[in-house]
N, C-alpha and C. Protein backbone atom coordinates (compact mmCIF):
# COMPACT_ATOMS: atom_id res chain seq x y z
N MET A 1 158.84 139.12 47.47
CA MET A 1 158.00 139.43 47.64
C MET A 1 157.19 140.71 48.17
N ARG A 2 157.94 141.28 48.13
CA ARG A 2 157.17 142.92 48.93
C ARG A 2 157.16 143.09 47.78
N ALA A 3 157.46 143.53 46.53
CA ALA A 3 157.22 144.70 45.64
C ALA A 3 155.81 143.83 45.12
N PRO A 4 155.67 142.80 44.62
CA PRO A 4 154.51 142.22 44.35
C PRO A 4 153.01 142.49 45.23
N LEU A 5 153.14 142.64 46.19
CA LEU A 5 152.73 143.12 47.93
C LEU A 5 151.86 144.57 46.60
N GLN A 6 153.13 145.64 46.90
CA GLN A 6 152.66 147.00 46.78
C GLN A 6 152.14 147.10 45.80
N GLN A 7 152.55 146.32 44.36
CA GLN A 7 152.33 146.21 43.10
C GLN A 7 150.94 146.17 43.20
N GLN A 8 149.72 145.39 44.21
CA GLN A 8 148.24 145.42 44.61
C GLN A 8 148.06 145.78 45.50
N ARG A 9 148.41 146.89 45.92
CA ARG A 9 148.16 147.99 46.93
C ARG A 9 148.04 149.04 45.81
N LEU A 10 149.09 149.32 44.85
CA LEU A 10 148.66 150.51 44.21
C LEU A 10 147.08 150.10 43.72
N LEU A 11 147.47 149.09 42.69
CA LEU A 11 146.28 148.51 41.52
C LEU A 11 144.84 148.42 42.79
N VAL A 12 145.00 147.86 43.35
CA VAL A 12 143.45 148.09 44.06
C VAL A 12 142.93 149.57 44.39
N ARG A 13 144.55 150.40 45.09
CA ARG A 13 144.02 152.08 45.02
C ARG A 13 143.18 152.34 43.66
N LEU A 14 143.91 152.21 42.19
CA LEU A 14 143.92 152.71 41.36
C LEU A 14 142.14 152.11 41.15
N ILE A 15 142.40 150.68 40.83
CA ILE A 15 140.52 149.77 41.17
C ILE A 15 139.76 150.75 41.30
N ASP A 16 140.37 150.96 43.00
CA ASP A 16 139.45 152.02 43.54
C ASP A 16 138.58 153.62 43.32
N GLN A 17 139.29 153.42 42.55
CA GLN A 17 138.77 155.26 41.99
C GLN A 17 138.36 155.41 40.92
N ARG A 18 138.47 153.99 39.54
CA ARG A 18 137.98 153.81 38.81
C ARG A 18 137.27 152.82 38.77
N GLY A 19 136.89 152.32 39.46
CA GLY A 19 135.57 150.98 39.25
C GLY A 19 135.33 150.36 38.86
N VAL A 20 136.57 149.49 38.93
CA VAL A 20 136.65 148.52 37.07
C VAL A 20 137.56 147.35 38.42
N PHE A 21 137.47 146.01 37.07
CA PHE A 21 138.68 145.35 37.62
C PHE A 21 139.09 144.18 38.60
N TYR A 22 137.73 145.01 39.56
CA TYR A 22 138.18 143.96 40.69
C TYR A 22 137.88 143.07 40.92
N ARG A 23 136.91 142.00 40.31
CA ARG A 23 137.25 140.93 40.17
C ARG A 23 138.72 140.13 40.02
N ALA A 24 139.68 140.73 38.85
CA ALA A 24 140.53 140.98 38.27
C ALA A 24 141.80 140.83 39.49
N VAL A 25 141.81 141.38 40.99
CA VAL A 25 142.21 141.42 41.52
C VAL A 25 142.90 140.61 43.18
N LEU A 26 141.16 139.91 43.56
CA LEU A 26 141.23 139.19 44.13
C LEU A 26 142.17 137.78 43.77
N PRO A 27 141.88 137.27 42.36
CA PRO A 27 142.64 136.04 42.19
C PRO A 27 144.12 136.02 42.58
N LEU A 28 144.56 137.52 42.43
CA LEU A 28 145.81 137.70 42.54
C LEU A 28 146.29 138.41 44.24
N LEU A 29 145.74 138.52 44.80
CA LEU A 29 145.78 139.06 46.41
C LEU A 29 145.24 137.52 47.05
N ASP A 30 144.67 136.08 46.47
CA ASP A 30 144.36 135.17 47.24
C ASP A 30 145.31 134.42 46.51
N ARG A 31 146.67 134.58 45.45
CA ARG A 31 147.13 133.56 46.05
C ARG A 31 148.59 134.30 47.11
N LEU A 32 149.45 135.78 46.79
CA LEU A 32 149.31 136.53 47.58
C LEU A 32 149.42 135.80 49.49
N LEU A 33 147.52 136.21 49.48
CA LEU A 33 147.55 135.57 50.50
C LEU A 33 148.03 133.75 51.12
N ALA A 34 147.93 133.54 50.42
CA ALA A 34 148.34 131.83 50.14
C ALA A 34 149.87 131.96 50.98
N ASP A 35 150.64 132.23 49.84
CA ASP A 35 151.94 132.33 49.91
C ASP A 35 152.67 133.23 51.30
N ALA A 36 152.23 134.31 52.00
CA ALA A 36 152.24 135.02 52.92
C ALA A 36 151.92 133.92 54.10
N GLU A 37 150.76 133.24 54.06
CA GLU A 37 150.78 132.76 55.14
C GLU A 37 151.42 131.39 55.42
N ALA A 38 151.43 130.43 53.83
CA ALA A 38 152.86 129.50 54.38
C ALA A 38 153.84 130.31 55.01
N LYS A 39 154.59 131.31 54.35
CA LYS A 39 156.14 131.55 55.31
C LYS A 39 155.03 132.31 56.25
N ALA A 40 154.47 132.49 56.47
CA ALA A 40 154.40 132.81 58.11
C ALA A 40 154.28 134.30 58.53
N ARG A 41 154.49 134.98 57.23
CA ARG A 41 154.11 135.96 56.84
C ARG A 41 153.78 137.16 57.63
N MET A 42 153.51 137.98 58.93
CA MET A 42 151.89 137.71 59.28
C MET A 42 151.60 139.03 58.55
N HIS A 43 152.62 139.95 58.98
CA HIS A 43 152.67 141.79 58.30
C HIS A 43 152.45 141.46 57.05
N SER A 44 152.74 140.86 55.93
CA SER A 44 152.03 140.39 55.13
C SER A 44 150.74 140.07 54.59
N ALA A 45 149.90 138.93 55.12
CA ALA A 45 148.39 138.68 55.22
C ALA A 45 147.99 139.70 55.75
N ILE A 46 148.42 140.47 56.67
CA ILE A 46 147.43 141.53 57.69
C ILE A 46 147.29 142.42 55.91
N GLU A 47 148.34 142.76 55.37
CA GLU A 47 147.53 143.53 54.16
C GLU A 47 147.31 143.48 53.28
N ILE A 48 146.85 141.75 53.38
CA ILE A 48 146.33 141.17 51.70
C ILE A 48 145.27 141.56 52.87
N LEU A 49 145.13 140.99 53.66
CA LEU A 49 143.41 140.95 53.82
C LEU A 49 142.46 142.36 53.76
N SER A 50 143.31 142.66 53.92
CA SER A 50 142.46 144.50 53.93
C SER A 50 142.27 145.33 52.82
N LEU A 51 143.28 144.34 52.18
CA LEU A 51 143.35 145.12 50.38
C LEU A 51 141.47 144.10 49.82
N GLN A 52 141.41 142.66 50.34
CA GLN A 52 141.02 142.14 49.61
C GLN A 52 139.34 142.59 50.46
N ALA A 53 139.22 143.19 51.64
CA ALA A 53 138.04 143.21 52.37
C ALA A 53 138.15 144.28 51.34
N LEU A 54 138.44 145.64 50.77
CA LEU A 54 138.38 146.92 50.45
C LEU A 54 137.81 146.25 48.41
N ALA A 55 138.39 145.42 47.88
CA ALA A 55 138.12 144.68 47.21
C ALA A 55 136.64 144.49 47.24
N TYR A 56 136.54 143.41 48.17
CA TYR A 56 134.96 143.00 47.85
C TYR A 56 134.06 143.73 48.18
N ASP A 57 134.63 144.83 49.25
CA ASP A 57 133.35 145.54 49.51
C ASP A 57 133.13 147.20 47.97
N ALA A 58 133.92 147.04 47.55
CA ALA A 58 134.31 147.73 46.40
C ALA A 58 133.59 147.30 45.19
N LEU A 59 132.68 146.20 44.92
CA LEU A 59 131.82 144.86 44.98
C LEU A 59 130.91 144.90 44.97
N ASN A 60 130.37 145.16 46.48
CA ASN A 60 129.62 144.82 46.96
C ASN A 60 128.85 144.11 47.34
N ASP A 61 130.06 143.73 47.65
CA ASP A 61 130.49 141.96 48.47
C ASP A 61 130.28 142.55 50.10
N ARG A 62 129.52 142.69 50.78
CA ARG A 62 129.65 142.88 52.23
C ARG A 62 129.44 141.57 52.74
N PRO A 63 129.55 140.72 53.11
CA PRO A 63 129.08 139.31 53.43
C PRO A 63 131.44 138.78 53.14
N ARG A 64 131.86 139.04 52.34
CA ARG A 64 133.19 138.52 52.22
C ARG A 64 133.89 139.75 52.77
N ALA A 65 133.44 141.19 52.30
CA ALA A 65 135.22 142.20 52.97
C ALA A 65 134.69 142.09 54.57
N LEU A 66 133.47 142.08 54.89
CA LEU A 66 134.05 141.66 56.17
C LEU A 66 134.44 141.07 56.98
N THR A 67 134.72 139.42 55.94
CA THR A 67 135.36 138.57 56.34
C THR A 67 136.41 138.62 56.84
N ALA A 68 136.79 139.52 55.60
CA ALA A 68 138.25 140.02 55.57
C ALA A 68 138.98 140.81 55.87
N LEU A 69 137.90 141.57 56.36
CA LEU A 69 138.26 142.17 56.86
C LEU A 69 138.26 142.01 58.73
N GLU A 70 137.50 141.29 59.00
CA GLU A 70 137.94 140.50 60.48
C GLU A 70 139.22 139.61 60.91
N ARG A 71 139.64 138.73 59.78
CA ARG A 71 140.43 137.45 59.46
C ARG A 71 142.00 139.30 60.32
N ALA A 72 141.93 139.93 59.11
CA ALA A 72 142.92 141.19 59.23
C ALA A 72 143.22 141.63 60.95
N LEU A 73 141.96 142.24 61.43
CA LEU A 73 141.65 142.10 62.63
C LEU A 73 142.02 140.88 63.64
N VAL A 74 141.77 139.81 63.23
CA VAL A 74 142.48 139.36 64.41
C VAL A 74 143.66 138.75 63.98
N LEU A 75 144.15 138.60 62.51
CA LEU A 75 146.14 138.70 63.21
C LEU A 75 146.82 140.10 64.15
N ALA A 76 146.35 141.43 63.35
CA ALA A 76 146.21 143.52 63.79
C ALA A 76 146.74 142.75 64.80
N GLU A 77 144.97 143.06 65.89
CA GLU A 77 144.95 143.24 67.17
C GLU A 77 146.08 143.12 67.94
N PRO A 78 146.91 142.22 68.44
CA PRO A 78 147.38 141.25 69.05
C PRO A 78 149.25 142.50 69.50
N GLU A 79 149.08 142.69 68.20
CA GLU A 79 150.46 142.90 67.82
C GLU A 79 149.86 144.89 67.20
N GLY A 80 148.25 145.41 68.11
CA GLY A 80 148.26 146.69 68.22
C GLY A 80 148.52 147.66 66.41
N TYR A 81 148.04 146.95 65.62
CA TYR A 81 148.09 147.87 63.91
C TYR A 81 147.51 148.60 63.55
N ILE A 82 147.75 149.84 63.58
CA ILE A 82 147.31 150.83 63.52
C ILE A 82 146.98 151.73 61.37
N ARG A 83 148.15 151.62 61.54
CA ARG A 83 148.80 152.40 60.57
C ARG A 83 148.34 151.61 59.06
N THR A 84 147.99 150.54 58.38
CA THR A 84 147.92 149.44 58.11
C THR A 84 145.97 149.29 57.49
N PHE A 85 145.43 150.31 58.37
CA PHE A 85 144.36 150.24 58.41
C PHE A 85 143.96 151.89 57.77
N VAL A 86 144.06 152.39 58.68
CA VAL A 86 143.64 153.91 58.32
C VAL A 86 145.02 154.40 57.09
N ASP A 87 145.98 154.21 56.63
CA ASP A 87 146.39 154.63 55.32
C ASP A 87 145.83 154.19 53.66
N GLU A 88 144.17 153.38 54.45
CA GLU A 88 143.95 153.01 53.18
C GLU A 88 142.57 154.02 53.16
N GLY A 89 142.57 154.83 54.49
CA GLY A 89 141.56 155.61 54.44
C GLY A 89 139.95 155.83 53.95
N THR A 90 139.30 156.74 53.36
CA THR A 90 137.65 156.21 54.00
C THR A 90 137.30 154.90 53.87
N PRO A 91 137.16 154.99 52.69
CA PRO A 91 136.74 153.69 52.51
C PRO A 91 137.09 152.12 53.29
N MET A 92 138.52 151.87 54.21
CA MET A 92 138.25 150.91 55.14
C MET A 92 137.38 151.62 56.56
N GLN A 93 137.56 153.60 56.86
CA GLN A 93 136.78 154.17 58.47
C GLN A 93 135.75 153.09 57.93
N VAL A 94 135.37 153.69 56.52
CA VAL A 94 133.61 153.21 56.86
C VAL A 94 133.58 151.14 57.36
N LEU A 95 134.31 150.24 56.84
CA LEU A 95 134.27 149.14 56.77
C LEU A 95 134.61 149.06 58.45
N LEU A 96 135.35 149.89 58.70
CA LEU A 96 135.64 148.69 60.45
C LEU A 96 134.40 149.86 60.94
N ALA A 97 133.73 150.62 60.61
CA ALA A 97 132.39 151.21 61.49
C ALA A 97 131.80 150.08 61.51
N GLU A 98 131.24 149.06 60.25
CA GLU A 98 130.23 148.25 59.46
C GLU A 98 130.95 147.22 60.51
N CYS A 99 132.19 146.98 60.73
CA CYS A 99 132.33 145.87 61.19
C CYS A 99 132.08 145.39 62.77
N SER A 100 132.03 146.54 62.92
CA SER A 100 131.74 147.02 64.81
C SER A 100 130.40 146.38 65.49
N GLY A 101 128.98 146.65 64.60
CA GLY A 101 127.76 146.27 64.84
C GLY A 101 128.20 144.10 65.09
N PRO A 102 128.30 143.84 64.23
CA PRO A 102 128.25 142.03 63.96
C PRO A 102 129.35 141.94 65.53
N LEU A 103 130.11 142.18 66.02
CA LEU A 103 131.03 142.17 66.56
C LEU A 103 130.39 142.59 68.01
N ALA A 104 129.41 143.42 67.73
CA ALA A 104 128.92 144.06 68.78
C ALA A 104 127.41 142.44 69.74
N ALA A 105 126.84 142.52 68.30
CA ALA A 105 125.89 141.40 68.46
C ALA A 105 126.35 139.85 69.03
N ARG A 106 127.75 139.54 69.16
CA ARG A 106 128.41 138.89 69.10
C ARG A 106 129.28 138.92 70.42
N GLU A 107 128.83 140.02 71.11
CA GLU A 107 129.16 140.25 72.39
C GLU A 107 128.33 139.29 74.21
N GLY A 108 127.39 138.72 73.82
CA GLY A 108 126.65 137.69 74.29
C GLY A 108 126.88 136.35 73.75
N THR A 109 127.33 135.91 72.78
CA THR A 109 127.75 134.94 72.72
C THR A 109 128.93 134.11 73.46
N ALA A 110 129.41 132.94 73.33
CA ALA A 110 130.48 132.20 74.12
C ALA A 110 132.02 133.47 73.44
N GLY A 111 132.54 133.73 72.37
CA GLY A 111 133.53 134.57 72.14
C GLY A 111 133.18 135.99 72.89
N ARG A 112 132.58 136.28 73.94
CA ARG A 112 132.31 137.56 74.33
C ARG A 112 133.75 137.54 75.09
N ALA A 113 134.49 137.64 74.81
CA ALA A 113 135.64 137.91 75.17
C ALA A 113 136.64 138.69 73.83
N GLY A 114 136.61 137.61 73.21
CA GLY A 114 137.21 138.11 71.90
C GLY A 114 136.91 139.37 71.26
N ALA A 115 135.42 139.09 71.20
CA ALA A 115 134.64 139.73 70.82
C ALA A 115 134.53 141.62 71.24
N ALA A 116 134.92 141.55 72.46
CA ALA A 116 134.80 142.75 73.80
C ALA A 116 136.08 143.60 73.18
N ARG A 117 137.43 142.63 72.83
CA ARG A 117 138.48 143.40 72.95
C ARG A 117 138.59 143.45 71.68
N MET A 118 138.12 143.16 70.15
CA MET A 118 138.05 143.27 69.40
C MET A 118 137.09 144.77 69.11
N LEU A 119 136.54 144.96 69.55
CA LEU A 119 135.20 146.29 69.45
C LEU A 119 136.43 147.68 69.88
N VAL A 120 137.11 146.79 71.05
CA VAL A 120 138.04 147.72 71.90
C VAL A 120 139.10 148.44 70.86
N TYR A 121 139.95 147.87 70.04
CA TYR A 121 140.78 147.61 68.85
C TYR A 121 139.88 148.86 68.15
N ILE A 122 139.18 148.19 67.23
CA ILE A 122 138.31 149.02 66.30
C ILE A 122 138.24 150.68 66.56
N GLU A 123 137.85 150.29 67.99
CA GLU A 123 137.64 151.70 68.24
C GLU A 123 139.03 152.57 68.51
N THR A 124 139.73 151.84 68.95
CA THR A 124 141.10 152.42 68.22
C THR A 124 141.56 153.45 67.24
N LEU A 125 141.33 152.04 65.98
CA LEU A 125 141.48 152.95 64.98
C LEU A 125 140.42 153.37 64.38
N LEU A 126 139.11 153.40 64.78
CA LEU A 126 139.03 154.73 63.89
C LEU A 126 138.53 156.16 64.54
N ALA A 127 138.95 156.46 66.14
CA ALA A 127 139.35 157.38 66.31
C ALA A 127 141.50 157.80 65.78
N ALA A 128 142.06 156.73 65.43
CA ALA A 128 143.40 156.47 63.89
C ALA A 128 143.35 158.05 63.45
N PHE A 129 141.22 157.38 62.56
CA PHE A 129 141.96 157.81 61.21
C PHE A 129 141.18 159.76 61.59
N PRO A 130 142.10 160.67 60.51
CA PRO A 130 142.18 161.91 60.61
C PRO A 130 140.85 162.55 61.38
N ASP A 131 140.03 163.60 61.83
CA ASP A 131 138.61 163.75 62.05
C ASP A 131 138.86 165.34 60.91
N ASP A 132 137.78 165.23 59.76
CA ASP A 132 137.32 165.76 58.67
C ASP A 132 136.10 166.79 59.14
N GLY A 133 135.49 165.96 60.56
CA GLY A 133 134.43 166.77 60.89
C GLY A 133 132.70 166.63 60.41
N ARG A 134 132.96 164.68 59.18
CA ARG A 134 132.18 164.91 59.05
C ARG A 134 131.93 163.25 59.41
N THR A 135 130.07 162.54 59.90
CA THR A 135 129.96 161.25 60.67
C THR A 135 131.01 160.02 59.34
N THR A 136 130.51 158.35 60.65
CA THR A 136 131.04 157.58 58.90
C THR A 136 129.85 157.49 57.69
N GLU A 137 128.92 157.74 58.65
CA GLU A 137 127.58 157.96 57.62
C GLU A 137 127.11 158.14 56.96
N ASP A 138 128.15 159.90 57.05
CA ASP A 138 128.21 160.95 56.50
C ASP A 138 128.74 160.42 54.86
N LYS A 139 130.09 159.78 55.35
CA LYS A 139 131.42 159.19 54.65
C LYS A 139 131.11 157.90 53.55
N ALA A 140 129.73 157.17 53.98
CA ALA A 140 129.83 156.15 53.61
C ALA A 140 128.83 156.53 52.15
N LYS A 141 127.87 157.92 52.47
CA LYS A 141 127.12 158.50 51.67
C LYS A 141 127.93 158.83 50.61
N LEU A 142 128.94 159.04 51.14
CA LEU A 142 130.12 160.21 49.53
C LEU A 142 131.17 158.69 48.89
N LEU A 143 131.02 157.90 49.45
CA LEU A 143 131.88 156.69 49.31
C LEU A 143 130.15 156.05 47.90
N GLY A 144 128.48 156.53 47.91
CA GLY A 144 127.98 155.63 46.94
C GLY A 144 127.69 154.60 47.43
N ASP A 145 127.25 154.61 49.04
CA ASP A 145 126.55 153.57 50.14
C ASP A 145 125.45 153.83 50.61
N ASP A 146 124.63 154.14 50.41
CA ASP A 146 123.54 154.26 51.63
C ASP A 146 123.52 154.06 52.60
N SER A 147 123.30 152.28 52.13
CA SER A 147 123.13 151.55 53.05
C SER A 147 124.06 151.39 54.53
N ARG A 148 124.60 151.70 54.93
CA ARG A 148 125.97 150.95 55.50
C ARG A 148 125.27 152.14 57.02
């Protein structure tokens, strides 16, 4: 199943550059995710969820993008995954920065410990991205979204 996941990753990246066919990729990723979860292949599930987050983000569906990203983070945090997210580049960096807002708001609720741990993990991920001298807000503008 590794080859199809690599093909989907390449497809999402190509689509990301062209700005088309996002909707066609999502059903394929859904099937791959169901298979990965059924077979307890968590590494594959984390990769697929991160790709789903990027695809939903490209479709300007922020709620679904953040939900997919949060699911990926919950699975990835205990094992300390870094490259899976950093290798996705600036779009993932901007999404991660945006994801920390809702988690920070959740710190005051019953999930306080989990939210605090996740915020530390997100900060670790954000620190792992190469520093090109631009702020996350500047990068969001470069991606064509001033609302982030």
